[in-house]
């Protein structure tokens, strides 16, 4: 897929709403530039019960995870940018019960104004209160990239290119 883009928003979204949902795929799937943003739900995009998904570039804004990945394997994301300040104790990327994951070059634009509501981007959140990545591992342990850190590489397992 080339250039997925959705920035619609509403205060009436259900928690289960996703701009993009990838579920159950086993065949290699590649998305070149993915921009799911402004959803007011549990996540802007979800990958669930899938494997062999590669995303080349994610851009997003808002207070909810840009990408939520559950029960999946061999997930690779190359590049993130945007001004997403997730809600306190949340993250831009969230993994639950996944194996073989790789995230490369995660960097966001910091919002410089204090407090208040950005009409599209949501509320401003102190960057010391959220994480770039939270990874709830299959054995039950939880790892969170420390606040203010933006990894050049976060990898667990053996993610690989599959054609």
N, C-alpha and C. Protein backbone atom coordinates (compact mmCIF):
# COMPACT_ATOMS: atom_id res chain seq x y z
N UNK A 1 0.84 -1.16 0.00
CA UNK A 1 0.00 0.00 0.00
C UNK A 1 0.88 1.22 0.00
N UNK A 2 0.46 2.24 -0.74
CA UNK A 2 1.21 3.48 -0.76
C UNK A 2 0.35 4.61 -0.18
N UNK A 3 0.90 5.30 0.76
CA UNK A 3 0.34 6.52 1.35
C UNK A 3 -1.08 6.35 1.90
N UNK A 4 -1.20 5.66 3.02
CA UNK A 4 -2.47 5.61 3.74
C UNK A 4 -2.60 6.90 4.55
N UNK A 5 -3.75 7.57 4.46
CA UNK A 5 -3.93 8.86 5.12
C UNK A 5 -5.35 8.96 5.65
N UNK A 6 -5.48 9.23 6.95
CA UNK A 6 -6.79 9.49 7.55
C UNK A 6 -6.58 10.36 8.77
N UNK A 7 -7.11 11.57 8.73
CA UNK A 7 -7.00 12.46 9.88
C UNK A 7 -8.36 12.93 10.37
N UNK A 8 -9.40 12.17 10.06
CA UNK A 8 -10.71 12.53 10.57
C UNK A 8 -10.75 12.38 12.08
N UNK A 9 -11.64 13.13 12.72
CA UNK A 9 -11.74 13.02 14.17
C UNK A 9 -13.14 13.38 14.63
N UNK A 10 -13.48 12.82 15.78
CA UNK A 10 -14.76 13.10 16.40
C UNK A 10 -14.64 12.80 17.88
N UNK A 11 -15.35 13.54 18.70
CA UNK A 11 -15.39 13.22 20.12
C UNK A 11 -16.31 12.04 20.40
N UNK A 12 -17.01 11.57 19.37
CA UNK A 12 -17.98 10.49 19.53
C UNK A 12 -17.46 9.11 19.18
N UNK A 13 -16.15 8.97 18.89
CA UNK A 13 -15.61 7.65 18.57
C UNK A 13 -15.79 6.70 19.75
N UNK A 14 -16.11 5.45 19.45
CA UNK A 14 -16.09 4.40 20.47
C UNK A 14 -14.64 4.01 20.72
N UNK A 15 -14.35 3.43 21.88
CA UNK A 15 -12.98 3.01 22.20
C UNK A 15 -12.45 2.04 21.16
N UNK A 16 -13.30 1.23 20.55
CA UNK A 16 -12.87 0.22 19.59
C UNK A 16 -12.63 0.76 18.17
N UNK A 17 -12.93 2.04 17.94
CA UNK A 17 -12.75 2.60 16.60
C UNK A 17 -11.28 2.64 16.23
N UNK A 18 -10.94 2.32 14.95
CA UNK A 18 -9.59 2.45 14.41
C UNK A 18 -9.68 3.08 13.02
N UNK A 19 -8.76 4.00 12.72
CA UNK A 19 -8.68 4.50 11.35
C UNK A 19 -8.29 3.36 10.42
N UNK A 20 -7.38 2.51 10.89
CA UNK A 20 -6.92 1.38 10.08
C UNK A 20 -6.75 0.18 11.00
N UNK A 21 -7.34 -0.96 10.60
CA UNK A 21 -7.23 -2.19 11.37
C UNK A 21 -6.72 -3.29 10.46
N UNK A 22 -5.62 -3.90 10.87
CA UNK A 22 -5.04 -5.02 10.13
C UNK A 22 -5.20 -6.24 11.02
N UNK A 23 -5.94 -7.22 10.56
CA UNK A 23 -6.22 -8.36 11.42
C UNK A 23 -6.06 -9.68 10.66
N UNK A 24 -5.27 -10.58 11.24
CA UNK A 24 -5.19 -11.96 10.78
C UNK A 24 -4.33 -12.22 9.55
N UNK A 25 -3.68 -11.22 8.99
CA UNK A 25 -2.89 -11.47 7.79
C UNK A 25 -1.64 -12.28 8.12
N UNK A 26 -1.26 -13.15 7.20
CA UNK A 26 -0.02 -13.91 7.31
C UNK A 26 0.92 -13.58 6.16
N UNK A 27 0.35 -13.15 5.05
CA UNK A 27 1.14 -12.77 3.89
C UNK A 27 1.89 -11.47 4.20
N UNK A 28 3.04 -11.25 3.59
CA UNK A 28 3.73 -9.98 3.81
C UNK A 28 2.86 -8.79 3.40
N UNK A 29 2.80 -7.80 4.27
CA UNK A 29 2.08 -6.56 3.99
C UNK A 29 3.03 -5.41 4.26
N UNK A 30 3.16 -4.51 3.28
CA UNK A 30 4.01 -3.34 3.43
C UNK A 30 3.17 -2.09 3.17
N UNK A 31 3.35 -1.13 4.05
CA UNK A 31 2.69 0.17 3.87
C UNK A 31 3.79 1.21 3.80
N UNK A 32 3.77 1.98 2.72
CA UNK A 32 4.77 3.03 2.51
C UNK A 32 4.12 4.37 2.83
N UNK A 33 4.43 4.91 3.97
CA UNK A 33 3.90 6.14 4.55
C UNK A 33 2.47 5.93 5.02
N UNK A 34 2.33 5.91 6.32
CA UNK A 34 1.05 5.65 6.97
C UNK A 34 0.75 6.80 7.91
N UNK A 35 -0.39 7.46 7.71
CA UNK A 35 -0.72 8.63 8.51
C UNK A 35 -2.11 8.48 9.12
N UNK A 36 -2.22 7.67 10.21
CA UNK A 36 -3.49 7.59 10.93
C UNK A 36 -3.43 8.54 12.13
N UNK A 37 -4.22 9.58 12.14
CA UNK A 37 -4.09 10.53 13.24
C UNK A 37 -5.43 11.12 13.64
N UNK A 38 -5.46 11.66 14.86
CA UNK A 38 -6.57 12.40 15.45
C UNK A 38 -7.73 11.54 15.92
N UNK A 39 -7.64 10.22 15.86
CA UNK A 39 -8.72 9.39 16.40
C UNK A 39 -8.80 9.60 17.91
N UNK A 40 -9.98 9.67 18.41
CA UNK A 40 -10.20 9.78 19.86
C UNK A 40 -10.76 8.44 20.32
N UNK A 41 -9.91 7.42 20.26
CA UNK A 41 -10.29 6.05 20.62
C UNK A 41 -9.08 5.38 21.26
N UNK A 42 -9.15 4.10 21.51
CA UNK A 42 -8.05 3.41 22.18
C UNK A 42 -6.75 3.47 21.39
N UNK A 43 -6.83 3.57 20.07
CA UNK A 43 -5.64 3.68 19.21
C UNK A 43 -6.07 4.18 17.84
N UNK A 44 -5.13 4.80 17.13
CA UNK A 44 -5.41 5.27 15.77
C UNK A 44 -5.39 4.12 14.77
N UNK A 45 -4.50 3.17 15.00
CA UNK A 45 -4.32 2.03 14.09
C UNK A 45 -4.04 0.80 14.93
N UNK A 46 -4.52 -0.36 14.49
CA UNK A 46 -4.24 -1.60 15.22
C UNK A 46 -3.84 -2.71 14.27
N UNK A 47 -2.85 -3.48 14.70
CA UNK A 47 -2.43 -4.71 14.03
C UNK A 47 -2.70 -5.82 15.03
N UNK A 48 -3.52 -6.80 14.64
CA UNK A 48 -3.94 -7.82 15.59
C UNK A 48 -3.90 -9.21 14.95
N UNK A 49 -3.35 -10.16 15.70
CA UNK A 49 -3.28 -11.55 15.23
C UNK A 49 -2.70 -11.63 13.82
N UNK A 50 -1.64 -10.89 13.58
CA UNK A 50 -1.06 -10.80 12.25
C UNK A 50 0.43 -11.10 12.32
N UNK A 51 1.02 -11.29 11.16
CA UNK A 51 2.48 -11.41 11.09
C UNK A 51 2.96 -10.89 9.75
N UNK A 52 4.25 -10.56 9.73
CA UNK A 52 4.93 -10.10 8.51
C UNK A 52 4.42 -8.75 8.00
N UNK A 53 4.22 -7.81 8.93
CA UNK A 53 3.76 -6.46 8.57
C UNK A 53 4.93 -5.50 8.72
N UNK A 54 5.19 -4.73 7.66
CA UNK A 54 6.24 -3.71 7.68
C UNK A 54 5.63 -2.38 7.29
N UNK A 55 5.94 -1.36 8.08
CA UNK A 55 5.46 -0.01 7.78
C UNK A 55 6.68 0.89 7.62
N UNK A 56 6.74 1.56 6.48
CA UNK A 56 7.82 2.49 6.20
C UNK A 56 7.30 3.91 6.40
N UNK A 57 7.41 4.41 7.62
CA UNK A 57 7.03 5.77 7.94
C UNK A 57 5.63 5.89 8.50
N UNK A 58 5.54 6.32 9.76
CA UNK A 58 4.27 6.62 10.41
C UNK A 58 4.32 8.08 10.84
N UNK A 59 3.24 8.80 10.58
CA UNK A 59 3.11 10.18 11.04
C UNK A 59 1.81 10.26 11.81
N UNK A 60 1.83 10.93 12.95
CA UNK A 60 0.59 11.00 13.70
C UNK A 60 0.57 12.10 14.73
N UNK A 61 -0.65 12.50 15.09
CA UNK A 61 -0.91 13.50 16.12
C UNK A 61 -2.06 12.98 16.97
N UNK A 62 -2.10 13.42 18.20
CA UNK A 62 -3.21 13.05 19.07
C UNK A 62 -2.72 12.45 20.36
N UNK A 63 -3.66 12.14 21.25
CA UNK A 63 -3.34 11.67 22.59
C UNK A 63 -3.41 10.16 22.76
N UNK A 64 -3.62 9.43 21.70
CA UNK A 64 -3.78 7.98 21.81
C UNK A 64 -2.70 7.30 20.98
N UNK A 65 -2.36 6.05 21.32
CA UNK A 65 -1.31 5.38 20.56
C UNK A 65 -1.55 5.47 19.05
N UNK A 66 -0.47 5.75 18.32
CA UNK A 66 -0.57 5.76 16.87
C UNK A 66 -0.77 4.34 16.36
N UNK A 67 0.02 3.39 16.94
CA UNK A 67 -0.07 2.00 16.51
C UNK A 67 -0.15 1.12 17.75
N UNK A 68 -1.19 0.31 17.82
CA UNK A 68 -1.38 -0.70 18.85
C UNK A 68 -1.23 -2.05 18.17
N UNK A 69 -0.35 -2.90 18.68
CA UNK A 69 -0.10 -4.21 18.07
C UNK A 69 -0.37 -5.27 19.13
N UNK A 70 -1.26 -6.22 18.81
CA UNK A 70 -1.63 -7.27 19.76
C UNK A 70 -1.47 -8.64 19.13
N UNK A 71 -0.91 -9.57 19.91
CA UNK A 71 -0.84 -10.98 19.51
C UNK A 71 -0.32 -11.15 18.09
N UNK A 72 0.79 -10.50 17.80
CA UNK A 72 1.33 -10.50 16.44
C UNK A 72 2.82 -10.83 16.45
N UNK A 73 3.34 -11.14 15.27
CA UNK A 73 4.73 -11.58 15.14
C UNK A 73 5.34 -10.98 13.88
N UNK A 74 6.61 -10.65 13.98
CA UNK A 74 7.38 -10.12 12.86
C UNK A 74 6.79 -8.80 12.35
N UNK A 75 6.78 -7.83 13.24
CA UNK A 75 6.26 -6.50 12.93
C UNK A 75 7.44 -5.53 12.91
N UNK A 76 7.57 -4.77 11.81
CA UNK A 76 8.68 -3.83 11.66
C UNK A 76 8.12 -2.46 11.28
N UNK A 77 8.58 -1.43 12.00
CA UNK A 77 8.16 -0.07 11.71
C UNK A 77 9.42 0.78 11.57
N UNK A 78 9.57 1.41 10.42
CA UNK A 78 10.74 2.22 10.11
C UNK A 78 10.35 3.69 10.03
N UNK A 79 10.56 4.43 11.10
CA UNK A 79 10.37 5.87 11.10
C UNK A 79 9.04 6.31 11.66
N UNK A 80 9.11 7.29 12.56
CA UNK A 80 7.92 7.94 13.10
C UNK A 80 8.20 9.43 13.25
N UNK A 81 7.19 10.23 12.95
CA UNK A 81 7.26 11.66 13.19
C UNK A 81 5.86 12.20 13.43
N UNK A 82 5.77 13.26 14.18
CA UNK A 82 4.48 13.87 14.47
C UNK A 82 4.56 14.60 15.79
N UNK A 83 3.43 15.15 16.23
CA UNK A 83 3.43 15.84 17.52
C UNK A 83 2.43 15.19 18.47
N UNK A 84 2.49 13.88 18.55
CA UNK A 84 1.58 13.14 19.41
C UNK A 84 2.08 13.10 20.84
N UNK A 85 1.38 13.74 21.78
CA UNK A 85 1.69 13.56 23.19
C UNK A 85 0.66 12.62 23.81
N UNK A 86 0.96 11.33 23.93
CA UNK A 86 -0.02 10.40 24.51
C UNK A 86 -0.43 10.82 25.92
N UNK A 87 -1.56 10.32 26.34
CA UNK A 87 -2.01 10.59 27.69
C UNK A 87 -1.03 10.01 28.71
N UNK A 88 -1.08 10.48 29.92
CA UNK A 88 -0.17 10.04 30.97
C UNK A 88 -0.17 8.51 31.09
N UNK A 89 1.04 7.94 31.23
CA UNK A 89 1.28 6.50 31.36
C UNK A 89 0.94 5.71 30.11
N UNK A 90 0.78 6.39 28.98
CA UNK A 90 0.51 5.71 27.72
C UNK A 90 1.73 5.85 26.81
N UNK A 91 1.57 5.52 25.53
CA UNK A 91 2.70 5.54 24.61
C UNK A 91 2.24 5.80 23.18
N UNK A 92 3.21 6.13 22.32
CA UNK A 92 2.94 6.30 20.89
C UNK A 92 2.75 4.94 20.24
N UNK A 93 3.60 3.99 20.61
CA UNK A 93 3.52 2.61 20.10
C UNK A 93 3.30 1.69 21.29
N UNK A 94 2.31 0.78 21.18
CA UNK A 94 2.04 -0.16 22.26
C UNK A 94 1.97 -1.57 21.69
N UNK A 95 2.73 -2.46 22.30
CA UNK A 95 2.76 -3.87 21.91
C UNK A 95 2.25 -4.72 23.05
N UNK A 96 1.37 -5.67 22.74
CA UNK A 96 0.85 -6.59 23.74
C UNK A 96 0.98 -8.00 23.20
N UNK A 97 1.75 -8.81 23.89
CA UNK A 97 1.90 -10.23 23.55
C UNK A 97 2.39 -10.42 22.11
N UNK A 98 3.47 -9.74 21.77
CA UNK A 98 4.03 -9.83 20.41
C UNK A 98 5.44 -10.41 20.47
N UNK A 99 5.85 -11.00 19.36
CA UNK A 99 7.21 -11.51 19.23
C UNK A 99 7.83 -10.89 17.99
N UNK A 100 9.14 -10.82 18.01
CA UNK A 100 9.91 -10.37 16.84
C UNK A 100 9.41 -9.02 16.32
N UNK A 101 9.79 -7.97 17.05
CA UNK A 101 9.39 -6.62 16.68
C UNK A 101 10.62 -5.73 16.53
N UNK A 102 10.51 -4.76 15.65
CA UNK A 102 11.59 -3.80 15.44
C UNK A 102 10.98 -2.44 15.13
N UNK A 103 11.47 -1.42 15.85
CA UNK A 103 11.08 -0.03 15.60
C UNK A 103 12.35 0.76 15.38
N UNK A 104 12.39 1.54 14.31
CA UNK A 104 13.60 2.26 13.94
C UNK A 104 13.29 3.75 13.74
N UNK A 105 14.13 4.60 14.30
CA UNK A 105 14.05 6.05 14.12
C UNK A 105 12.70 6.64 14.55
N UNK A 106 12.46 6.61 15.85
CA UNK A 106 11.25 7.20 16.41
C UNK A 106 11.60 8.59 16.92
N UNK A 107 10.98 9.58 16.33
CA UNK A 107 11.27 10.95 16.77
C UNK A 107 10.03 11.79 16.58
N UNK A 108 9.67 12.53 17.60
CA UNK A 108 8.47 13.35 17.49
C UNK A 108 8.80 14.83 17.70
N UNK A 109 7.90 15.65 17.22
CA UNK A 109 8.01 17.10 17.42
C UNK A 109 7.40 17.42 18.78
N UNK A 110 8.11 18.16 19.58
CA UNK A 110 7.62 18.53 20.90
C UNK A 110 6.68 19.72 20.78
N UNK A 111 5.57 19.66 21.47
CA UNK A 111 4.68 20.82 21.52
C UNK A 111 5.27 21.84 22.48
N UNK A 112 5.32 23.07 22.07
CA UNK A 112 5.99 24.08 22.89
C UNK A 112 5.04 24.89 23.76
N UNK A 113 3.76 24.87 23.49
CA UNK A 113 2.84 25.64 24.34
C UNK A 113 2.36 24.76 25.50
N UNK A 114 2.11 25.39 26.63
CA UNK A 114 1.73 24.66 27.83
C UNK A 114 0.22 24.60 27.97
N UNK A 115 -0.24 23.44 28.44
CA UNK A 115 -1.65 23.28 28.76
C UNK A 115 -2.54 23.47 27.55
N UNK A 116 -3.81 23.43 27.78
CA UNK A 116 -4.76 23.73 26.73
C UNK A 116 -5.02 22.59 25.78
N UNK A 117 -5.90 22.87 24.86
CA UNK A 117 -6.34 21.89 23.89
C UNK A 117 -5.97 22.36 22.49
N UNK A 118 -5.29 21.51 21.76
CA UNK A 118 -5.07 21.74 20.34
C UNK A 118 -6.26 21.09 19.66
N UNK A 119 -6.99 21.82 18.85
CA UNK A 119 -8.24 21.32 18.27
C UNK A 119 -8.10 19.94 17.66
N UNK A 120 -7.05 19.71 16.90
CA UNK A 120 -6.87 18.42 16.24
C UNK A 120 -5.98 17.48 17.05
N UNK A 121 -4.93 18.02 17.65
CA UNK A 121 -3.93 17.17 18.29
C UNK A 121 -4.28 16.72 19.68
N UNK A 122 -5.34 17.23 20.27
CA UNK A 122 -5.72 16.83 21.62
C UNK A 122 -5.06 17.70 22.66
N UNK A 123 -5.14 17.26 23.91
CA UNK A 123 -4.59 18.05 25.00
C UNK A 123 -3.07 17.91 25.04
N UNK A 124 -2.42 18.91 25.59
CA UNK A 124 -0.97 18.84 25.76
C UNK A 124 -0.67 18.03 27.02
N UNK A 125 0.32 17.17 26.95
CA UNK A 125 0.70 16.31 28.06
C UNK A 125 2.19 16.47 28.30
N UNK A 126 2.58 16.66 29.53
CA UNK A 126 3.98 16.78 29.91
C UNK A 126 4.76 15.58 29.36
N UNK A 127 5.81 15.80 28.57
CA UNK A 127 6.53 14.68 27.95
C UNK A 127 7.27 13.78 28.93
N UNK A 128 7.35 14.17 30.20
CA UNK A 128 7.97 13.28 31.19
C UNK A 128 6.96 12.27 31.73
N UNK A 129 5.71 12.31 31.24
CA UNK A 129 4.66 11.45 31.76
C UNK A 129 4.20 10.35 30.81
N UNK A 130 4.83 10.27 29.63
CA UNK A 130 4.44 9.23 28.68
C UNK A 130 5.68 8.64 28.01
N UNK A 131 5.49 7.59 27.21
CA UNK A 131 6.58 6.81 26.64
C UNK A 131 6.45 6.73 25.12
N UNK A 132 7.58 6.60 24.44
CA UNK A 132 7.54 6.33 23.00
C UNK A 132 7.02 4.92 22.73
N UNK A 133 7.45 3.95 23.56
CA UNK A 133 7.08 2.54 23.36
C UNK A 133 6.76 1.90 24.70
N UNK A 134 5.66 1.17 24.75
CA UNK A 134 5.37 0.25 25.85
C UNK A 134 5.22 -1.12 25.23
N UNK A 135 5.95 -2.08 25.78
CA UNK A 135 5.98 -3.44 25.24
C UNK A 135 5.62 -4.42 26.35
N UNK A 136 4.38 -4.90 26.33
CA UNK A 136 3.91 -5.93 27.27
C UNK A 136 4.26 -7.26 26.63
N UNK A 137 5.26 -7.92 27.17
CA UNK A 137 5.84 -9.10 26.52
C UNK A 137 5.02 -10.36 26.79
N UNK A 138 5.19 -11.38 25.93
CA UNK A 138 4.39 -12.60 26.06
C UNK A 138 4.51 -13.28 27.42
N UNK A 139 5.66 -13.14 28.10
CA UNK A 139 5.81 -13.77 29.41
C UNK A 139 5.22 -12.93 30.54
N UNK A 140 4.56 -11.82 30.20
CA UNK A 140 3.92 -10.98 31.20
C UNK A 140 4.74 -9.80 31.68
N UNK A 141 6.02 -9.77 31.35
CA UNK A 141 6.82 -8.62 31.77
C UNK A 141 6.48 -7.42 30.89
N UNK A 142 6.69 -6.24 31.45
CA UNK A 142 6.36 -4.99 30.74
C UNK A 142 7.62 -4.14 30.68
N UNK A 143 7.89 -3.63 29.48
CA UNK A 143 9.01 -2.72 29.30
C UNK A 143 8.48 -1.43 28.70
N UNK A 144 8.92 -0.31 29.25
CA UNK A 144 8.55 0.99 28.70
C UNK A 144 9.83 1.77 28.45
N UNK A 145 9.99 2.28 27.24
CA UNK A 145 11.11 3.18 26.95
C UNK A 145 10.95 4.37 27.89
N UNK A 146 12.00 4.76 28.60
CA UNK A 146 11.88 5.88 29.55
C UNK A 146 11.36 7.15 28.88
N UNK A 147 10.55 7.93 29.62
CA UNK A 147 10.08 9.21 29.07
C UNK A 147 11.27 10.04 28.56
N UNK A 148 11.03 10.81 27.55
CA UNK A 148 11.99 11.70 26.89
C UNK A 148 12.99 10.96 26.01
N UNK A 149 13.03 9.64 26.04
CA UNK A 149 13.92 8.90 25.14
C UNK A 149 13.18 8.54 23.86
N UNK A 150 13.84 8.75 22.74
CA UNK A 150 13.30 8.43 21.43
C UNK A 150 14.29 7.51 20.74
N UNK A 151 14.03 6.22 20.76
CA UNK A 151 15.03 5.26 20.28
C UNK A 151 15.29 5.33 18.78
N UNK A 152 16.55 5.18 18.45
CA UNK A 152 16.94 4.98 17.06
C UNK A 152 16.60 3.55 16.67
N UNK A 153 16.72 2.63 17.64
CA UNK A 153 16.35 1.23 17.40
C UNK A 153 15.80 0.63 18.68
N UNK A 154 14.60 0.06 18.61
CA UNK A 154 14.05 -0.79 19.66
C UNK A 154 13.73 -2.11 18.98
N UNK A 155 14.35 -3.17 19.45
CA UNK A 155 14.15 -4.47 18.80
C UNK A 155 14.09 -5.55 19.86
N UNK A 156 13.19 -6.49 19.65
CA UNK A 156 13.11 -7.66 20.50
C UNK A 156 12.85 -8.86 19.60
N UNK A 157 13.59 -9.92 19.86
CA UNK A 157 13.43 -11.12 19.04
C UNK A 157 14.23 -11.02 17.76
N UNK A 158 13.71 -11.66 16.72
CA UNK A 158 14.40 -11.75 15.45
C UNK A 158 13.49 -11.32 14.30
N UNK A 159 13.11 -10.02 14.22
CA UNK A 159 12.29 -9.58 13.10
C UNK A 159 13.07 -9.70 11.80
N UNK A 160 12.37 -10.03 10.72
CA UNK A 160 13.05 -10.28 9.46
C UNK A 160 12.17 -9.86 8.28
N UNK A 161 12.81 -9.64 7.16
CA UNK A 161 12.08 -9.31 5.94
C UNK A 161 11.58 -10.61 5.32
N UNK A 162 10.33 -10.63 4.95
CA UNK A 162 9.71 -11.82 4.36
C UNK A 162 9.10 -11.42 3.03
N UNK A 163 9.45 -12.11 2.00
CA UNK A 163 8.86 -11.85 0.68
C UNK A 163 8.00 -13.01 0.34
